[in-house]
Amino acid sequence: MRLFKYEPYYMFEGPTLSHPFLSELSEEQAKENLESFFRDVEDEFQDIEATVRRLEDNILEVTADISQDDSDKRVERCLIKFELVSKRATAVDLEENPNAVPS
């Protein structure tokens, strides 16, 4: 099993080529999107054995037997859905380092 941590947040970078009419969210809408992200992200891991938890300070913790890339793609789908971005911590292999915590 591997442990992954993400810190999702909202950051408006302006319209893009793929979203030319994108406008900035209000602070309230950004908070709602963050809450929706934490409700929906578990669905991205339903097809595998995984533990998905929300920690303090809006940190997402995922424990699963998948690669960093696979975990990132699953989280990314949900981030895009709610117009969020995320900081990612380094993955930790819990079998090799049972007491380790990703930085």
C-alpha atoms as a PDB file:
ATOM      1  CA  MET A   1       0.000   0.000   0.000  1.00  0.00           C
ATOM      2  CA  ARG A   2       1.112   3.535  -0.685  1.00  0.00           C
ATOM      3  CA  LEU A   3       0.168   6.767   1.030  1.00  0.00           C
ATOM      4  CA  PHE A   4      -0.508   9.936  -0.972  1.00  0.00           C
ATOM      5  CA  LYS A   5      -1.390  13.395   0.300  1.00  0.00           C
ATOM      6  CA  TYR A   6      -2.827  16.363  -1.564  1.00  0.00           C
ATOM      7  CA  GLU A   7      -3.731  19.898  -0.573  1.00  0.00           C
ATOM      8  CA  PRO A   8      -6.495  21.132  -2.884  1.00  0.00           C
ATOM      9  CA  TYR A   9      -7.252  24.836  -3.162  1.00  0.00           C
ATOM     10  CA  TYR A  10      -8.789  27.392  -5.508  1.00  0.00           C
ATOM     11  CA  MET A  11      -6.639  29.721  -7.605  1.00  0.00           C
ATOM     12  CA  PHE A  12      -7.987  31.793 -10.486  1.00  0.00           C
ATOM     13  CA  GLU A  13      -5.519  32.142 -13.335  1.00  0.00           C
ATOM     14  CA  GLY A  14      -7.865  33.749 -15.852  1.00  0.00           C
ATOM     15  CA  PRO A  15      -9.522  32.397 -18.987  1.00  0.00           C
ATOM     16  CA  THR A  16      -7.655  29.769 -20.994  1.00  0.00           C
ATOM     17  CA  LEU A  17      -7.850  28.496 -24.561  1.00  0.00           C
ATOM     18  CA  SER A  18      -9.872  25.504 -23.407  1.00  0.00           C
ATOM     19  CA  HIS A  19     -12.096  27.682 -21.160  1.00  0.00           C
ATOM     20  CA  PRO A  20     -12.243  31.146 -22.784  1.00  0.00           C
ATOM     21  CA  PHE A  21     -15.238  32.339 -20.753  1.00  0.00           C
ATOM     22  CA  LEU A  22     -13.952  31.233 -17.364  1.00  0.00           C
ATOM     23  CA  SER A  23     -14.579  33.806 -14.656  1.00  0.00           C
ATOM     24  CA  GLU A  24     -13.336  34.083 -11.103  1.00  0.00           C
ATOM     25  CA  LEU A  25     -15.377  32.320  -8.411  1.00  0.00           C
ATOM     26  CA  SER A  26     -16.620  34.177  -5.378  1.00  0.00           C
ATOM     27  CA  GLU A  27     -15.036  33.229  -2.055  1.00  0.00           C
ATOM     28  CA  GLU A  28     -18.263  31.436  -1.107  1.00  0.00           C
ATOM     29  CA  GLN A  29     -18.358  29.454  -4.369  1.00  0.00           C
ATOM     30  CA  ALA A  30     -14.690  28.512  -4.002  1.00  0.00           C
ATOM     31  CA  LYS A  31     -15.422  27.146  -0.507  1.00  0.00           C
ATOM     32  CA  GLU A  32     -18.444  25.234  -1.834  1.00  0.00           C
ATOM     33  CA  ASN A  33     -16.304  23.742  -4.609  1.00  0.00           C
ATOM     34  CA  LEU A  34     -13.720  22.629  -2.068  1.00  0.00           C
ATOM     35  CA  GLU A  35     -16.433  20.960   0.031  1.00  0.00           C
ATOM     36  CA  SER A  36     -17.844  19.293  -3.092  1.00  0.00           C
ATOM     37  CA  PHE A  37     -14.385  18.049  -4.024  1.00  0.00           C
ATOM     38  CA  PHE A  38     -13.993  16.279  -0.685  1.00  0.00           C
ATOM     39  CA  ARG A  39     -17.457  14.722  -1.034  1.00  0.00           C
ATOM     40  CA  ASP A  40     -16.859  13.487  -4.592  1.00  0.00           C
ATOM     41  CA  VAL A  41     -13.195  12.475  -4.645  1.00  0.00           C
ATOM     42  CA  GLU A  42     -13.934   9.155  -2.932  1.00  0.00           C
ATOM     43  CA  ASP A  43     -15.919   8.147  -6.023  1.00  0.00           C
ATOM     44  CA  GLU A  44     -12.711   8.272  -8.080  1.00  0.00           C
ATOM     45  CA  PHE A  45     -11.325   5.411  -5.968  1.00  0.00           C
ATOM     46  CA  GLN A  46     -14.452   3.214  -5.765  1.00  0.00           C
ATOM     47  CA  ASP A  47     -13.136   0.617  -8.216  1.00  0.00           C
ATOM     48  CA  ILE A  48     -10.123  -0.266  -6.039  1.00  0.00           C
ATOM     49  CA  GLU A  49      -9.402  -0.963  -2.403  1.00  0.00           C
ATOM     50  CA  ALA A  50      -8.503   2.470  -1.047  1.00  0.00           C
ATOM     51  CA  THR A  51      -8.911   4.604   2.036  1.00  0.00           C
ATOM     52  CA  VAL A  52      -9.692   8.239   1.284  1.00  0.00           C
ATOM     53  CA  ARG A  53      -9.754  10.678   4.211  1.00  0.00           C
ATOM     54  CA  ARG A  54      -9.988  14.404   4.760  1.00  0.00           C
ATOM     55  CA  LEU A  55      -7.452  15.552   7.327  1.00  0.00           C
ATOM     56  CA  GLU A  56      -7.147  18.856   9.125  1.00  0.00           C
ATOM     57  CA  ASP A  57      -6.299  21.913   7.034  1.00  0.00           C
ATOM     58  CA  ASN A  58      -8.086  20.434   3.996  1.00  0.00           C
ATOM     59  CA  ILE A  59      -5.484  17.757   3.299  1.00  0.00           C
ATOM     60  CA  LEU A  60      -6.625  14.746   1.288  1.00  0.00           C
ATOM     61  CA  GLU A  61      -5.006  11.457   2.282  1.00  0.00           C
ATOM     62  CA  VAL A  62      -5.258   8.423   0.006  1.00  0.00           C
ATOM     63  CA  THR A  63      -3.975   4.977   0.935  1.00  0.00           C
ATOM     64  CA  ALA A  64      -4.068   2.486  -1.933  1.00  0.00           C
ATOM     65  CA  ASP A  65      -2.006  -0.069  -3.827  1.00  0.00           C
ATOM     66  CA  ILE A  66      -1.593   2.088  -6.949  1.00  0.00           C
ATOM     67  CA  SER A  67       1.114   4.221  -8.533  1.00  0.00           C
ATOM     68  CA  GLN A  68       1.625   7.921  -7.894  1.00  0.00           C
ATOM     69  CA  ASP A  69       0.536   8.602 -11.467  1.00  0.00           C
ATOM     70  CA  ASP A  70      -2.695   6.634 -11.078  1.00  0.00           C
ATOM     71  CA  SER A  71      -3.556   8.405  -7.828  1.00  0.00           C
ATOM     72  CA  ASP A  72      -2.723  11.797  -9.341  1.00  0.00           C
ATOM     73  CA  LYS A  73      -4.977  11.181 -12.348  1.00  0.00           C
ATOM     74  CA  ARG A  74      -7.899  10.161 -10.164  1.00  0.00           C
ATOM     75  CA  VAL A  75      -7.531  13.232  -7.954  1.00  0.00           C
ATOM     76  CA  GLU A  76      -6.968  15.482 -10.972  1.00  0.00           C
ATOM     77  CA  ARG A  77     -10.302  14.481 -12.543  1.00  0.00           C
ATOM     78  CA  CYS A  78     -12.092  15.709  -9.445  1.00  0.00           C
ATOM     79  CA  LEU A  79      -9.958  18.848  -9.135  1.00  0.00           C
ATOM     80  CA  ILE A  80     -10.813  19.856 -12.702  1.00  0.00           C
ATOM     81  CA  LYS A  81     -14.495  19.229 -12.102  1.00  0.00           C
ATOM     82  CA  PHE A  82     -14.506  21.814  -9.293  1.00  0.00           C
ATOM     83  CA  GLU A  83     -11.988  24.288 -10.792  1.00  0.00           C
ATOM     84  CA  LEU A  84      -9.374  23.519  -8.128  1.00  0.00           C
ATOM     85  CA  VAL A  85      -5.633  22.867  -8.121  1.00  0.00           C
ATOM     86  CA  SER A  86      -3.524  20.991  -5.597  1.00  0.00           C
ATOM     87  CA  LYS A  87      -0.132  20.726  -3.994  1.00  0.00           C
ATOM     88  CA  ARG A  88       1.076  17.133  -3.837  1.00  0.00           C
ATOM     89  CA  ALA A  89       3.238  15.493  -1.215  1.00  0.00           C
ATOM     90  CA  THR A  90       5.670  12.715  -2.049  1.00  0.00           C
ATOM     91  CA  ALA A  91       4.208   9.211  -1.972  1.00  0.00           C
ATOM     92  CA  VAL A  92       5.339   6.728   0.669  1.00  0.00           C
ATOM     93  CA  ASP A  93       5.375   2.951   0.370  1.00  0.00           C
ATOM     94  CA  LEU A  94       3.840   1.829   3.669  1.00  0.00           C
ATOM     95  CA  GLU A  95       5.142  -1.728   3.369  1.00  0.00           C
ATOM     96  CA  GLU A  96       8.745  -0.511   3.167  1.00  0.00           C
ATOM     97  CA  ASN A  97       8.258   2.376   5.643  1.00  0.00           C
ATOM     98  CA  PRO A  98       5.286   1.578   7.911  1.00  0.00           C
ATOM     99  CA  ASN A  99       5.855   4.645  10.128  1.00  0.00           C
ATOM    100  CA  ALA A 100       6.623   7.102   7.349  1.00  0.00           C
ATOM    101  CA  VAL A 101       4.591  10.182   6.592  1.00  0.00           C
ATOM    102  CA  PRO A 102       4.828  11.916   3.192  1.00  0.00           C
ATOM    103  CA  SER A 103       6.315  15.389   3.222  1.00  0.00           C
END
